[in-house]
Amino acid sequence: MKANAKQSIRYKVRSNLLKVSTLFILIMFLSFSIIIQHIFSTTASKNVMIQLDYISTQLNYYLDSTVNFSKALIIDDLIQKKTKAYNQQPSSFSSSDRKSIETKINNIIQSNNFIYAVSLFSLDKHVIASTYEHHYRSDNTLQNLNAPIWFTHKLHHKYKNDPAIQLLSFQQPFYSLQTGEKLGYIELSIHEDSIHNIYLDKASLESQIFMMDSSGIIQSSDGTLSLGLRAPLKANLGVGEKKSITPQYIIFSKYIPELDWYIVNRMRPSLYYSTIYSSFVITILVTILCILCCLFISKKLANNVTTPIYDLIRHIFKIKNGFWTTIDLPVEDSDIKLLYDEFNKMIRSQEALKDSVVKAQKEKDRLSLNLLQQQVNPHFLYNTLDNICALAELDEKETLMNLVMNLSTFYRTSLCNGEFLITLKEELTLTEAYLHIMEVRYYHKFTYEIDCPKALYSCTCIKLLLQPLIENSIYHGIKGISYPGVIKIKVFTNHDQLMIVVSDNGRGFAESDIHKFKSDKHHFGIWSIDQRIQLYFGKQYGLVIEHGAPSGCTVTISLPLRKGFENEL
């Protein structure tokens, strides 16, 4: 009863359930991790690109608005008139003229808050009017322009040592509306503060947002990088929207073709993957929890499945020790209940058989023969129950169930209401069940063949007529050979007799043993067959034992050909 815990059914069921469920959970964990990583990575990249699109859109709005304001200024009548007058006679251009132009400029651009200053230049590059206050330019970017241009430059304070102001300026020539002659140049400037205010609130300690030109010089920054320096990037940004990954940073960029600039968001992986890390930790915790739940559930299921089987095994050992009682334990599983019911039927059949033997005391000859039959069945049952226990310990469930079902079939047929006459079909069913059981005990040791016309199935036959012969063929013929054994059963008719031939290719026997098999009560199986046949049907019937060809043994049984007998179980 006691065995290695790792070889028990309960341990194997529990460990296999746990292995399968754990494998399934790990596969799901890996799948979900990959899916979550992809989803969050895609979402994070999309969010950053949306952010860059917003900055780009807002910056393009500034650029387009600046261009539109420049168009509105250069077609203004006052600006056209005063600029033309300046070009014709600069000496007559007074401060009041300059003031009137600056007032007009302020009136036109006052509706926006990002144009820092506007300047008008004459054809000879002198300042006609400017809204700059207390600042001067340190460079001369004004050239003989024939087309609009965007550029960056700095303004310095005239009187104080304040930091220089970084400006993004738009310059273009403008012409007389009447004559088409060039009148001068106009310049509109956007303060860098207005640009970086677009994205200043979107930066963090783990993320930097800045703009740089195509040569890598920083033109706008969130305050973490100095303007005018080369950007600390090694990635090739290219054109359009790009994502680059380096060991230290994940870099997103968007190209602005109007300025030949790049908007760059450089963030640390810890920020980019923070949501993924959190989800991954949560997934790990859920996975561990699921595995613990599977451990508990597998233990519970293993106990539910194996407890009835262990109860049956314990009861079988009780029966083996002589306590012949039915098993009466509550079960819910239909298969286990069927096993219990069939087992109880087997026990009741055995009890009924023993009762019938007691009641048949007056028929001394039959009592002697019936007692011989009782010796066959319990001996066979004990051996089979031992096999059931061994299969249960080896966790051979399918073989175990087949063995129990064949055992049930064997006893259901052999112990049916105490009757000794059954149909040939029932006898062959009983014999085949016995052969299946012997195949389990002697694995791959022999095969069998049964050849019987269906028309003879209803013929009358003595119960347990063939089983002792099969047992004798296995134990005394096939068991001791080294080659595959074959048992053949052939049924046919000869005039008014039913003939059953049982042959094997075993090791055979000596000629002197033939008489001993039929007369020696130590060979009670064969002896009882001959006695029962003659007792029920007469001395003209019985069995004949012969040598097989070229080896083995052949037993021929002759019975009266009687049809229409039915034995209800």
Protein backbone atom coordinates (compact mmCIF):
# COMPACT_ATOMS: atom_id res chain seq x y z
CA MET A 1 0.00 0.00 0.00
CA LYS A 2 2.80 2.34 0.86
CA ALA A 3 4.93 3.51 -2.03
CA ASN A 4 7.28 6.25 -3.02
CA ALA A 5 5.34 9.53 -2.78
CA LYS A 6 6.66 10.64 -6.17
CA GLN A 7 5.24 7.47 -7.78
CA SER A 8 1.75 7.90 -6.35
CA ILE A 9 -1.27 8.78 -8.49
CA ARG A 10 -1.98 11.82 -6.34
CA TYR A 11 1.51 13.22 -6.75
CA LYS A 12 1.54 12.65 -10.50
CA VAL A 13 -1.90 14.18 -11.01
CA ARG A 14 -1.00 17.18 -8.90
CA SER A 15 2.44 17.67 -10.46
CA ASN A 16 1.13 17.27 -14.02
CA LEU A 17 -1.72 19.71 -13.41
CA LEU A 18 0.72 22.17 -11.89
CA LYS A 19 3.20 21.77 -14.76
CA VAL A 20 0.54 22.24 -17.44
CA SER A 21 -1.07 25.22 -15.72
CA THR A 22 2.32 26.84 -14.98
CA LEU A 23 3.44 26.36 -18.56
CA PHE A 24 0.18 27.87 -19.80
CA ILE A 25 0.53 30.83 -17.42
CA LEU A 26 4.15 31.44 -18.45
CA ILE A 27 3.20 31.34 -22.13
CA MET A 28 0.38 33.80 -21.44
CA PHE A 29 2.78 35.94 -19.40
CA LEU A 30 5.33 36.08 -22.21
CA SER A 31 2.61 36.75 -24.78
CA PHE A 32 1.03 39.50 -22.72
CA SER A 33 4.44 41.00 -21.93
CA ILE A 34 5.29 41.20 -25.63
CA ILE A 35 1.85 42.61 -26.47
CA ILE A 36 1.94 45.13 -23.61
CA GLN A 37 5.48 46.19 -24.51
CA HIS A 38 4.45 46.70 -28.12
CA ILE A 39 1.25 48.56 -27.21
CA PHE A 40 2.86 50.86 -24.66
CA SER A 41 5.92 51.45 -26.82
CA THR A 42 3.73 52.32 -29.79
CA THR A 43 1.49 54.49 -27.62
CA ALA A 44 4.44 56.29 -26.03
CA SER A 45 6.02 56.93 -29.44
CA LYS A 46 2.70 58.13 -30.80
CA ASN A 47 2.22 60.50 -27.85
CA VAL A 48 5.69 61.97 -28.31
CA MET A 49 5.09 62.42 -32.04
CA ILE A 50 1.76 64.09 -31.30
CA GLN A 51 3.63 66.41 -28.99
CA LEU A 52 6.17 67.23 -31.70
CA ASP A 53 3.33 67.72 -34.19
CA TYR A 54 1.73 70.20 -31.82
CA ILE A 55 4.98 72.13 -31.45
CA SER A 56 5.55 72.05 -35.19
CA THR A 57 1.99 73.21 -35.86
CA GLN A 58 2.28 76.07 -33.38
CA LEU A 59 5.65 77.12 -34.78
CA ASN A 60 4.32 76.98 -38.34
CA TYR A 61 1.45 79.16 -37.18
CA TYR A 62 3.99 81.72 -35.95
CA LEU A 63 5.90 81.54 -39.23
CA ASP A 64 2.78 81.83 -41.40
CA SER A 65 1.43 84.66 -39.27
CA THR A 66 4.74 86.50 -39.51
CA VAL A 67 4.72 86.17 -43.30
CA ASN A 68 1.11 87.39 -43.43
CA PHE A 69 1.88 90.38 -41.21
CA SER A 70 4.82 91.28 -43.42
CA LYS A 71 2.49 91.28 -46.42
CA ALA A 72 0.02 93.46 -44.58
CA LEU A 73 2.75 95.93 -43.66
CA ILE A 74 4.38 96.30 -47.05
CA ILE A 75 1.10 97.07 -48.82
CA ASP A 76 0.08 99.72 -46.30
CA ASP A 77 -0.28 103.16 -47.99
CA LEU A 78 1.56 105.06 -45.24
CA ILE A 79 4.53 102.68 -45.25
CA GLN A 80 4.63 102.70 -49.06
CA LYS A 81 4.49 106.51 -49.15
CA LYS A 82 7.02 107.16 -46.36
CA THR A 83 9.51 104.58 -47.66
CA LYS A 84 9.34 106.04 -51.17
CA ALA A 85 9.84 109.55 -49.75
CA TYR A 86 12.87 108.40 -47.79
CA ASN A 87 14.45 106.84 -50.86
CA GLN A 88 13.91 110.06 -52.87
CA GLN A 89 15.25 112.50 -50.24
CA PRO A 90 16.64 110.95 -47.02
CA SER A 91 17.54 114.34 -45.58
CA SER A 92 13.92 115.44 -45.48
CA PHE A 93 12.86 112.31 -43.55
CA SER A 94 12.08 113.54 -40.03
CA SER A 95 11.64 111.83 -36.66
CA SER A 96 7.89 112.43 -36.90
CA ASP A 97 7.88 110.47 -40.15
CA ARG A 98 9.74 107.61 -38.38
CA LYS A 99 7.31 107.82 -35.48
CA SER A 100 4.25 107.66 -37.74
CA ILE A 101 5.64 104.50 -39.44
CA GLU A 102 6.39 102.82 -36.08
CA THR A 103 2.91 103.71 -34.84
CA LYS A 104 1.39 102.21 -37.96
CA ILE A 105 3.45 99.06 -37.51
CA ASN A 106 2.34 98.71 -33.89
CA ASN A 107 -1.27 99.19 -34.86
CA ILE A 108 -1.04 96.40 -37.42
CA ILE A 109 0.86 93.83 -35.30
CA GLN A 110 -0.71 94.59 -31.93
CA SER A 111 -3.14 91.66 -32.27
CA ASN A 112 -0.37 89.10 -31.71
CA ASN A 113 2.08 88.45 -28.88
CA PHE A 114 4.93 86.62 -30.60
CA ILE A 115 6.31 89.23 -33.06
CA TYR A 116 8.96 90.93 -30.99
CA ALA A 117 9.94 93.74 -33.39
CA VAL A 118 9.58 95.02 -36.96
CA SER A 119 12.15 97.02 -38.93
CA LEU A 120 12.05 98.80 -42.30
CA PHE A 121 15.23 99.24 -44.30
CA SER A 122 15.87 101.47 -47.26
CA LEU A 123 17.51 100.34 -50.46
CA ASP A 124 20.87 101.45 -49.08
CA LYS A 125 20.26 99.27 -45.96
CA HIS A 126 19.65 102.13 -43.57
CA VAL A 127 17.00 101.75 -40.90
CA ILE A 128 13.94 103.76 -41.80
CA ALA A 129 11.88 102.69 -38.76
CA SER A 130 12.13 100.02 -36.08
CA THR A 131 10.17 98.91 -33.02
CA TYR A 132 13.33 97.68 -31.30
CA GLU A 133 13.76 99.38 -27.93
CA HIS A 134 17.23 100.03 -26.60
CA HIS A 135 18.83 97.21 -28.60
CA TYR A 136 21.22 97.01 -31.50
CA ARG A 137 22.29 94.26 -33.87
CA SER A 138 25.77 92.86 -33.69
CA ASP A 139 25.76 91.61 -37.28
CA ASN A 140 24.60 92.77 -40.64
CA THR A 141 22.44 90.07 -42.11
CA LEU A 142 20.70 92.41 -44.53
CA GLN A 143 21.80 91.64 -48.05
CA ASN A 144 20.57 92.42 -51.52
CA LEU A 145 17.62 90.11 -51.11
CA ASN A 146 15.50 89.13 -54.03
CA ALA A 147 13.51 86.49 -52.10
CA PRO A 148 12.24 86.04 -48.53
CA ILE A 149 14.63 84.53 -46.01
CA TRP A 150 14.49 83.19 -42.43
CA PHE A 151 17.56 83.51 -40.21
CA THR A 152 18.61 83.77 -36.56
CA HIS A 153 20.59 86.56 -34.95
CA LYS A 154 21.18 88.29 -31.61
CA LEU A 155 20.31 91.72 -30.23
CA HIS A 156 22.42 93.44 -27.58
CA HIS A 157 21.23 96.07 -25.09
CA LYS A 158 22.59 99.54 -25.76
CA TYR A 159 23.07 100.70 -22.20
CA LYS A 160 23.20 97.69 -19.90
CA ASN A 161 25.14 94.45 -19.75
CA ASP A 162 22.02 92.35 -20.12
CA PRO A 163 22.24 89.03 -21.96
CA ALA A 164 21.78 89.14 -25.68
CA ILE A 165 18.37 88.31 -27.14
CA GLN A 166 18.06 85.40 -29.60
CA LEU A 167 15.69 86.21 -32.46
CA LEU A 168 14.25 84.32 -35.40
CA SER A 169 13.76 86.91 -38.16
CA PHE A 170 12.00 86.98 -41.50
CA GLN A 171 13.30 89.37 -44.20
CA GLN A 172 11.97 90.09 -47.62
CA PRO A 173 12.20 92.93 -50.19
CA PHE A 174 9.06 94.92 -50.93
CA TYR A 175 8.02 96.99 -53.94
CA SER A 176 5.90 99.98 -54.89
CA LEU A 177 2.32 99.05 -55.59
CA GLN A 178 2.09 101.74 -58.34
CA THR A 179 5.37 101.41 -60.20
CA GLY A 180 6.70 98.01 -59.07
CA GLU A 181 10.09 99.45 -58.16
CA LYS A 182 11.93 98.08 -55.13
CA LEU A 183 11.37 100.33 -52.13
CA GLY A 184 13.38 98.49 -49.46
CA TYR A 185 13.32 95.60 -47.07
CA ILE A 186 11.18 94.58 -44.14
CA GLU A 187 12.23 92.42 -41.17
CA LEU A 188 9.93 90.82 -38.61
CA SER A 189 11.51 89.11 -35.59
CA ILE A 190 10.19 86.40 -33.24
CA HIS A 191 11.72 86.23 -29.77
CA GLU A 192 13.17 82.83 -28.87
CA ASP A 193 11.18 82.99 -25.62
CA SER A 194 7.97 82.88 -27.65
CA ILE A 195 9.23 79.76 -29.41
CA HIS A 196 10.38 77.79 -26.40
CA ASN A 197 7.21 78.76 -24.48
CA ILE A 198 5.38 76.45 -26.90
CA TYR A 199 7.03 73.39 -25.39
CA LEU A 200 8.49 74.62 -22.09
CA ASP A 201 5.77 72.98 -19.98
CA LYS A 202 6.30 69.66 -21.76
CA ALA A 203 9.93 69.21 -20.70
CA SER A 204 11.03 67.38 -17.53
CA LEU A 205 14.12 66.21 -15.69
CA GLU A 206 14.12 63.05 -17.78
CA SER A 207 13.29 64.74 -21.09
CA GLN A 208 14.79 67.59 -23.15
CA ILE A 209 13.08 69.44 -25.97
CA PHE A 210 15.04 71.75 -28.27
CA MET A 211 15.35 72.92 -31.86
CA MET A 212 18.49 72.85 -33.94
CA ASP A 213 19.40 73.68 -37.51
CA SER A 214 20.69 71.25 -40.09
CA SER A 215 24.28 71.83 -39.01
CA GLY A 216 23.46 70.76 -35.45
CA ILE A 217 23.53 74.23 -33.81
CA ILE A 218 20.89 74.71 -31.10
CA GLN A 219 18.50 77.54 -32.04
CA SER A 220 15.85 77.08 -29.32
CA SER A 221 15.89 75.21 -26.03
CA ASP A 222 13.76 74.44 -22.98
CA GLY A 223 16.55 75.93 -20.84
CA THR A 224 18.60 72.77 -20.33
CA LEU A 225 20.92 73.48 -23.28
CA SER A 226 22.69 76.69 -24.29
CA LEU A 227 21.78 78.40 -27.55
CA GLY A 228 24.39 78.58 -30.27
CA LEU A 229 26.19 75.39 -29.19
CA ARG A 230 26.29 72.15 -31.08
CA ALA A 231 23.58 69.71 -30.05
CA PRO A 232 24.85 66.61 -28.17
CA LEU A 233 23.43 64.15 -30.68
CA LYS A 234 25.03 61.28 -32.52
CA ALA A 235 21.90 60.03 -34.25
CA ASN A 236 21.19 60.71 -37.91
CA LEU A 237 17.84 62.52 -37.84
CA GLY A 238 17.01 62.51 -41.54
CA VAL A 239 13.84 64.04 -42.96
CA GLY A 240 10.32 63.67 -41.60
CA GLU A 241 9.48 62.07 -38.27
CA LYS A 242 12.23 59.86 -36.88
CA LYS A 243 12.85 57.73 -33.80
CA SER A 244 16.41 56.81 -32.80
CA ILE A 245 17.59 54.74 -29.85
CA THR A 246 20.99 55.12 -28.20
CA PRO A 247 22.29 53.53 -25.00
CA GLN A 248 21.57 56.71 -23.02
CA TYR A 249 18.59 58.29 -24.79
CA ILE A 250 15.59 57.71 -27.01
CA ILE A 251 15.45 60.53 -29.55
CA PHE A 252 12.37 61.68 -31.46
CA SER A 253 12.66 64.34 -34.14
CA LYS A 254 10.52 66.17 -36.67
CA TYR A 255 11.87 68.14 -39.60
CA ILE A 256 10.66 71.72 -40.29
CA PRO A 257 11.39 72.41 -43.96
CA GLU A 258 10.55 76.17 -43.76
CA LEU A 259 13.52 76.76 -41.44
CA ASP A 260 15.62 73.67 -42.22
CA TRP A 261 15.36 72.95 -38.49
CA TYR A 262 14.63 69.90 -36.38
CA ILE A 263 12.39 69.72 -33.33
CA VAL A 264 14.02 67.17 -31.01
CA ASN A 265 12.69 65.44 -27.91
CA ARG A 266 15.50 63.59 -26.17
CA MET A 267 14.34 61.45 -23.24
CA ARG A 268 15.86 58.85 -20.99
CA PRO A 269 14.68 55.23 -21.36
CA SER A 270 13.48 55.24 -17.75
CA LEU A 271 10.84 57.83 -18.66
CA TYR A 272 9.93 56.20 -21.95
CA TYR A 273 9.58 52.72 -20.46
CA SER A 274 8.19 53.75 -17.05
CA THR A 275 4.65 52.64 -17.90
CA ILE A 276 5.96 49.40 -19.40
CA TYR A 277 8.00 48.71 -16.25
CA SER A 278 4.96 49.27 -14.05
CA SER A 279 2.81 47.02 -16.22
CA PHE A 280 5.56 44.39 -16.28
CA VAL A 281 5.81 44.37 -12.48
CA ILE A 282 2.03 44.10 -12.16
CA THR A 283 2.01 41.26 -14.70
CA ILE A 284 4.74 39.41 -12.76
CA LEU A 285 2.79 39.78 -9.51
CA VAL A 286 -0.39 38.54 -11.19
CA THR A 287 1.54 35.62 -12.71
CA ILE A 288 2.96 34.62 -9.31
CA LEU A 289 -0.51 34.88 -7.80
CA CYS A 290 -1.94 32.71 -10.59
CA ILE A 291 0.78 30.08 -10.09
CA LEU A 292 0.03 29.99 -6.35
CA CYS A 293 -3.67 29.61 -7.13
CA CYS A 294 -2.85 26.82 -9.60
CA LEU A 295 -0.77 25.11 -6.90
CA PHE A 296 -3.73 25.18 -4.54
CA ILE A 297 -6.25 24.16 -7.22
CA SER A 298 -4.05 21.34 -8.55
CA LYS A 299 -3.70 19.97 -5.03
CA LYS A 300 -7.46 20.19 -4.54
CA LEU A 301 -8.24 18.57 -7.89
CA ALA A 302 -5.66 15.82 -7.35
CA ASN A 303 -7.24 15.01 -4.00
CA ASN A 304 -10.74 15.00 -5.50
CA VAL A 305 -9.66 12.66 -8.31
CA THR A 306 -7.47 10.28 -6.35
CA THR A 307 -9.22 10.03 -2.98
CA PRO A 308 -11.96 7.65 -4.28
CA ILE A 309 -9.28 5.55 -5.99
CA TYR A 310 -7.25 5.30 -2.78
CA ASP A 311 -10.42 4.37 -0.90
CA LEU A 312 -11.03 1.58 -3.41
CA ILE A 313 -7.43 0.38 -3.12
CA ARG A 314 -7.71 0.27 0.70
CA HIS A 315 -10.96 -1.67 0.40
CA ILE A 316 -9.34 -4.11 -2.02
CA PHE A 317 -6.65 -4.81 0.56
CA LYS A 318 -9.34 -5.46 3.12
CA ILE A 319 -10.95 -7.95 0.75
CA LYS A 320 -7.56 -9.50 0.12
CA ASN A 321 -7.23 -9.99 3.89
CA GLY A 322 -10.60 -11.75 4.04
CA PHE A 323 -13.09 -8.97 4.82
CA TRP A 324 -15.55 -9.47 1.96
CA THR A 325 -17.79 -6.41 2.13
CA THR A 326 -19.05 -3.92 -0.46
CA ILE A 327 -17.64 -0.43 -0.58
CA ASP A 328 -20.17 2.17 0.47
CA LEU A 329 -18.63 5.64 0.21
CA PRO A 330 -20.30 8.81 -1.20
CA VAL A 331 -18.90 9.81 -4.61
CA GLU A 332 -20.00 12.45 -7.12
CA ASP A 333 -17.97 11.46 -10.16
CA SER A 334 -20.01 9.21 -12.46
CA ASP A 335 -17.00 7.16 -13.59
CA ILE A 336 -15.88 6.47 -10.02
CA LYS A 337 -19.46 5.65 -9.06
CA LEU A 338 -19.62 3.19 -11.97
CA LEU A 339 -16.35 1.63 -10.80
CA TYR A 340 -17.71 1.33 -7.24
CA ASP A 341 -20.99 -0.14 -8.48
CA GLU A 342 -19.27 -2.71 -10.67
CA PHE A 343 -16.89 -3.57 -7.87
CA ASN A 344 -19.82 -4.02 -5.47
CA LYS A 345 -21.60 -6.16 -8.06
CA MET A 346 -18.51 -8.32 -8.23
CA ILE A 347 -18.45 -8.68 -4.44
CA ARG A 348 -22.17 -9.42 -4.29
CA SER A 349 -21.77 -11.96 -7.07
CA GLN A 350 -19.04 -13.64 -5.08
CA GLU A 351 -21.24 -13.64 -1.99
CA ALA A 352 -24.18 -14.98 -3.98
CA LEU A 353 -21.98 -17.69 -5.43
CA LYS A 354 -20.87 -18.73 -1.97
CA ASP A 355 -24.51 -18.80 -0.80
CA SER A 356 -25.49 -20.98 -3.73
CA VAL A 357 -22.73 -23.43 -2.81
CA VAL A 358 -24.13 -23.70 0.74
CA LYS A 359 -27.64 -24.30 -0.60
CA ALA A 360 -26.39 -27.05 -2.93
CA GLN A 361 -25.00 -29.26 -0.13
CA LYS A 362 -27.45 -32.05 -0.96
CA GLU A 363 -25.98 -32.49 -4.43
CA LYS A 364 -22.65 -33.88 -3.41
CA ASP A 365 -21.22 -34.36 -6.88
CA ARG A 366 -22.23 -30.90 -7.99
CA LEU A 367 -21.03 -29.42 -4.71
CA SER A 368 -17.60 -30.90 -5.32
CA LEU A 369 -17.48 -29.46 -8.83
CA ASN A 370 -18.83 -26.08 -7.71
CA LEU A 371 -16.22 -25.87 -4.96
CA LEU A 372 -13.56 -26.45 -7.58
CA GLN A 373 -14.97 -23.50 -9.52
CA GLN A 374 -14.88 -21.38 -6.37
CA GLN A 375 -11.16 -22.13 -6.10
CA VAL A 376 -10.57 -20.79 -9.59
CA ASN A 377 -12.35 -17.44 -9.30
CA PRO A 378 -10.95 -16.10 -5.96
CA HIS A 379 -7.43 -17.15 -6.92
CA PHE A 380 -7.77 -15.32 -10.21
CA LEU A 381 -9.37 -12.32 -8.47
CA TYR A 382 -6.49 -11.96 -6.03
CA ASN A 383 -3.92 -11.96 -8.80
CA THR A 384 -5.94 -9.46 -10.80
CA LEU A 385 -6.43 -7.18 -7.79
CA ASP A 386 -2.67 -7.26 -7.29
CA ASN A 387 -2.30 -6.13 -10.90
CA ILE A 388 -4.84 -3.35 -10.29
CA CYS A 389 -2.82 -2.14 -7.31
CA ALA A 390 0.39 -2.22 -9.34
CA LEU A 391 -1.19 -0.30 -12.23
CA ALA A 392 -2.62 2.24 -9.78
CA GLU A 393 0.83 2.83 -8.31
CA LEU A 394 2.30 3.18 -11.82
CA ASP A 395 -0.42 5.68 -12.80
CA GLU A 396 -1.42 3.52 -15.82
CA LYS A 397 -4.96 4.90 -15.80
CA GLU A 398 -6.15 3.65 -19.18
CA THR A 399 -4.77 0.15 -18.66
CA LEU A 400 -6.17 0.14 -15.10
CA MET A 401 -9.65 1.08 -16.30
CA ASN A 402 -9.54 -1.56 -19.08
CA LEU A 403 -8.39 -4.15 -16.58
CA VAL A 404 -11.15 -3.32 -14.09
CA MET A 405 -13.81 -3.27 -16.82
CA ASN A 406 -12.63 -6.66 -18.15
CA LEU A 407 -12.55 -8.00 -14.61
CA SER A 408 -16.08 -6.70 -14.12
CA THR A 409 -17.19 -8.30 -17.41
CA PHE A 410 -15.53 -11.58 -16.41
CA TYR A 411 -17.28 -11.78 -13.04
CA ARG A 412 -20.57 -10.33 -14.23
CA THR A 413 -20.76 -13.17 -16.75
CA SER A 414 -19.23 -15.90 -14.60
CA LEU A 415 -21.33 -15.13 -11.52
CA CYS A 416 -24.68 -14.39 -13.13
CA ASN A 417 -27.40 -15.48 -10.63
CA GLY A 418 -25.61 -18.72 -9.86
CA GLU A 419 -26.45 -20.21 -13.26
CA PHE A 420 -24.00 -22.69 -14.75
CA LEU A 421 -25.43 -22.88 -18.26
CA ILE A 422 -24.94 -19.82 -20.44
CA THR A 423 -24.87 -19.05 -24.14
CA LEU A 424 -21.76 -19.59 -26.19
CA LYS A 425 -21.58 -15.85 -26.85
CA GLU A 426 -21.48 -15.18 -23.09
CA GLU A 427 -18.79 -17.79 -22.59
CA LEU A 428 -16.68 -16.29 -25.38
CA THR A 429 -17.21 -12.81 -23.87
CA LEU A 430 -16.07 -14.12 -20.49
CA THR A 431 -13.08 -15.86 -22.10
CA GLU A 432 -12.07 -12.76 -24.05
CA ALA A 433 -12.28 -10.66 -20.87
CA TYR A 434 -9.98 -13.18 -19.18
CA LEU A 435 -7.57 -13.06 -22.14
CA HIS A 436 -7.46 -9.23 -21.93
CA ILE A 437 -6.61 -9.50 -18.23
CA MET A 438 -3.88 -12.06 -18.95
CA GLU A 439 -2.48 -9.80 -21.69
CA VAL A 440 -1.91 -7.13 -19.04
CA ARG A 441 -0.21 -9.60 -16.71
CA TYR A 442 1.93 -11.13 -19.50
CA TYR A 443 2.58 -8.04 -21.59
CA HIS A 444 3.47 -8.86 -25.23
CA LYS A 445 3.86 -12.53 -24.28
CA PHE A 446 1.06 -13.90 -26.46
CA THR A 447 -1.75 -13.09 -28.88
CA TYR A 448 -5.06 -14.82 -29.40
CA GLU A 449 -7.60 -15.54 -32.12
CA ILE A 450 -11.30 -16.45 -31.74
CA ASP A 451 -13.11 -17.90 -34.72
CA CYS A 452 -16.82 -18.50 -34.11
CA PRO A 453 -19.74 -18.10 -36.56
CA LYS A 454 -22.40 -15.71 -35.24
CA ALA A 455 -25.05 -18.35 -35.93
CA LEU A 456 -23.61 -20.41 -33.03
CA TYR A 457 -23.69 -17.60 -30.45
CA SER A 458 -27.00 -18.78 -28.99
CA CYS A 459 -25.81 -22.35 -28.40
CA THR A 460 -25.84 -23.69 -24.84
CA CYS A 461 -22.51 -23.88 -23.05
CA ILE A 462 -21.26 -24.58 -19.54
CA LYS A 463 -19.97 -21.50 -17.83
CA LEU A 464 -16.20 -21.24 -17.31
CA LEU A 465 -15.59 -24.00 -19.79
CA LEU A 466 -12.73 -22.30 -21.67
CA GLN A 467 -11.08 -20.23 -18.94
CA PRO A 468 -9.24 -23.15 -17.26
CA LEU A 469 -7.97 -24.27 -20.66
CA ILE A 470 -6.70 -20.77 -21.45
CA GLU A 471 -5.11 -20.59 -18.03
CA ASN A 472 -3.42 -23.96 -18.55
CA SER A 473 -2.12 -22.87 -22.00
CA ILE A 474 -0.61 -19.73 -20.51
CA TYR A 475 0.87 -21.18 -17.32
CA HIS A 476 2.05 -24.56 -18.63
CA GLY A 477 2.59 -23.84 -22.31
CA ILE A 478 3.35 -20.24 -23.25
CA LYS A 479 4.81 -18.89 -20.01
CA GLY A 480 8.06 -20.83 -20.40
CA ILE A 481 8.77 -20.15 -24.12
CA SER A 482 11.05 -17.46 -25.56
CA TYR A 483 9.08 -16.80 -28.72
CA PRO A 484 5.65 -15.13 -29.11
CA GLY A 485 2.79 -17.36 -28.02
CA VAL A 486 -0.47 -17.79 -29.93
CA ILE A 487 -3.75 -19.09 -28.51
CA LYS A 488 -6.49 -20.03 -30.99
CA ILE A 489 -10.15 -20.79 -30.26
CA LYS A 490 -12.19 -22.27 -33.10
CA VAL A 491 -15.90 -23.17 -32.89
CA PHE A 492 -17.76 -25.29 -35.44
CA THR A 493 -20.42 -27.99 -35.66
CA ASN A 494 -20.08 -31.70 -36.42
CA HIS A 495 -23.50 -33.22 -37.09
CA ASP A 496 -25.40 -32.73 -33.80
CA GLN A 497 -22.35 -31.72 -31.77
CA LEU A 498 -20.86 -28.34 -30.94
CA MET A 499 -17.08 -28.54 -31.25
CA ILE A 500 -14.72 -26.08 -29.53
CA VAL A 501 -10.98 -26.41 -30.24
CA VAL A 502 -8.44 -24.59 -28.07
CA SER A 503 -4.83 -24.76 -29.30
CA ASP A 504 -1.54 -23.08 -28.45
CA ASN A 505 2.06 -23.14 -29.66
CA GLY A 506 3.56 -23.59 -26.18
CA ARG A 507 6.16 -26.04 -25.01
CA GLY A 508 3.70 -28.97 -25.05
CA PHE A 509 3.86 -32.05 -22.76
CA ALA A 510 4.87 -35.66 -22.60
CA GLU A 511 2.54 -38.37 -23.95
CA SER A 512 2.28 -39.90 -20.48
CA ASP A 513 0.81 -36.69 -19.05
CA ILE A 514 -2.35 -36.74 -21.18
CA HIS A 515 -4.18 -39.23 -18.97
CA LYS A 516 -2.94 -37.49 -15.84
CA PHE A 517 -4.47 -34.15 -16.94
CA LYS A 518 -7.93 -35.69 -17.15
CA SER A 519 -7.75 -37.86 -14.02
CA ASP A 520 -5.48 -36.07 -11.57
CA LYS A 521 -7.48 -33.70 -9.35
CA HIS A 522 -4.35 -31.59 -8.82
CA HIS A 523 -5.03 -30.38 -12.38
CA PHE A 524 -8.50 -29.43 -11.21
CA GLY A 525 -9.15 -27.01 -14.10
CA ILE A 526 -9.02 -29.55 -16.92
CA TRP A 527 -10.38 -32.30 -14.67
CA SER A 528 -13.39 -30.20 -13.67
CA ILE A 529 -14.21 -29.36 -17.30
CA ASP A 530 -14.44 -33.01 -18.28
CA GLN A 531 -16.42 -33.83 -15.15
CA ARG A 532 -18.89 -30.98 -15.58
CA ILE A 533 -19.49 -31.76 -19.26
CA GLN A 534 -20.23 -35.39 -18.48
CA LEU A 535 -22.31 -34.45 -15.42
CA TYR A 536 -24.61 -32.10 -17.35
CA PHE A 537 -24.67 -33.69 -20.82
CA GLY A 538 -23.59 -37.31 -20.51
CA LYS A 539 -20.59 -39.58 -20.87
CA GLN A 540 -20.55 -39.31 -24.67
CA TYR A 541 -19.31 -35.74 -24.40
CA GLY A 542 -16.14 -34.26 -22.89
CA LEU A 543 -12.69 -33.14 -23.95
CA VAL A 544 -9.78 -34.65 -25.86
CA ILE A 545 -6.15 -33.51 -25.31
CA GLU A 546 -3.63 -33.88 -28.13
CA HIS A 547 -0.15 -32.71 -29.08
CA GLY A 548 -0.08 -29.61 -31.27
CA ALA A 549 1.64 -29.47 -34.63
CA PRO A 550 4.59 -28.90 -34.56
CA SER A 551 4.46 -27.94 -30.84
CA GLY A 552 2.04 -26.94 -28.15
CA CYS A 553 -1.24 -28.48 -27.16
CA THR A 554 -4.71 -28.90 -28.72
CA VAL A 555 -7.85 -29.49 -26.62
CA THR A 556 -11.11 -30.41 -28.38
CA ILE A 557 -14.38 -30.03 -26.45
CA SER A 558 -17.57 -31.71 -27.63
CA LEU A 559 -20.99 -30.54 -26.46
CA PRO A 560 -24.55 -31.24 -27.60
CA LEU A 561 -25.74 -28.75 -30.22
CA ARG A 562 -28.53 -26.95 -28.37
CA LYS A 563 -29.80 -23.53 -29.46
CA GLY A 564 -32.26 -21.04 -28.02
CA PHE A 565 -30.89 -21.14 -24.46
CA GLU A 566 -30.84 -17.72 -22.81
CA ASN A 567 -29.29 -16.88 -19.48
CA GLU A 568 -30.34 -13.52 -18.03
CA LEU A 569 -27.74 -11.96 -15.83
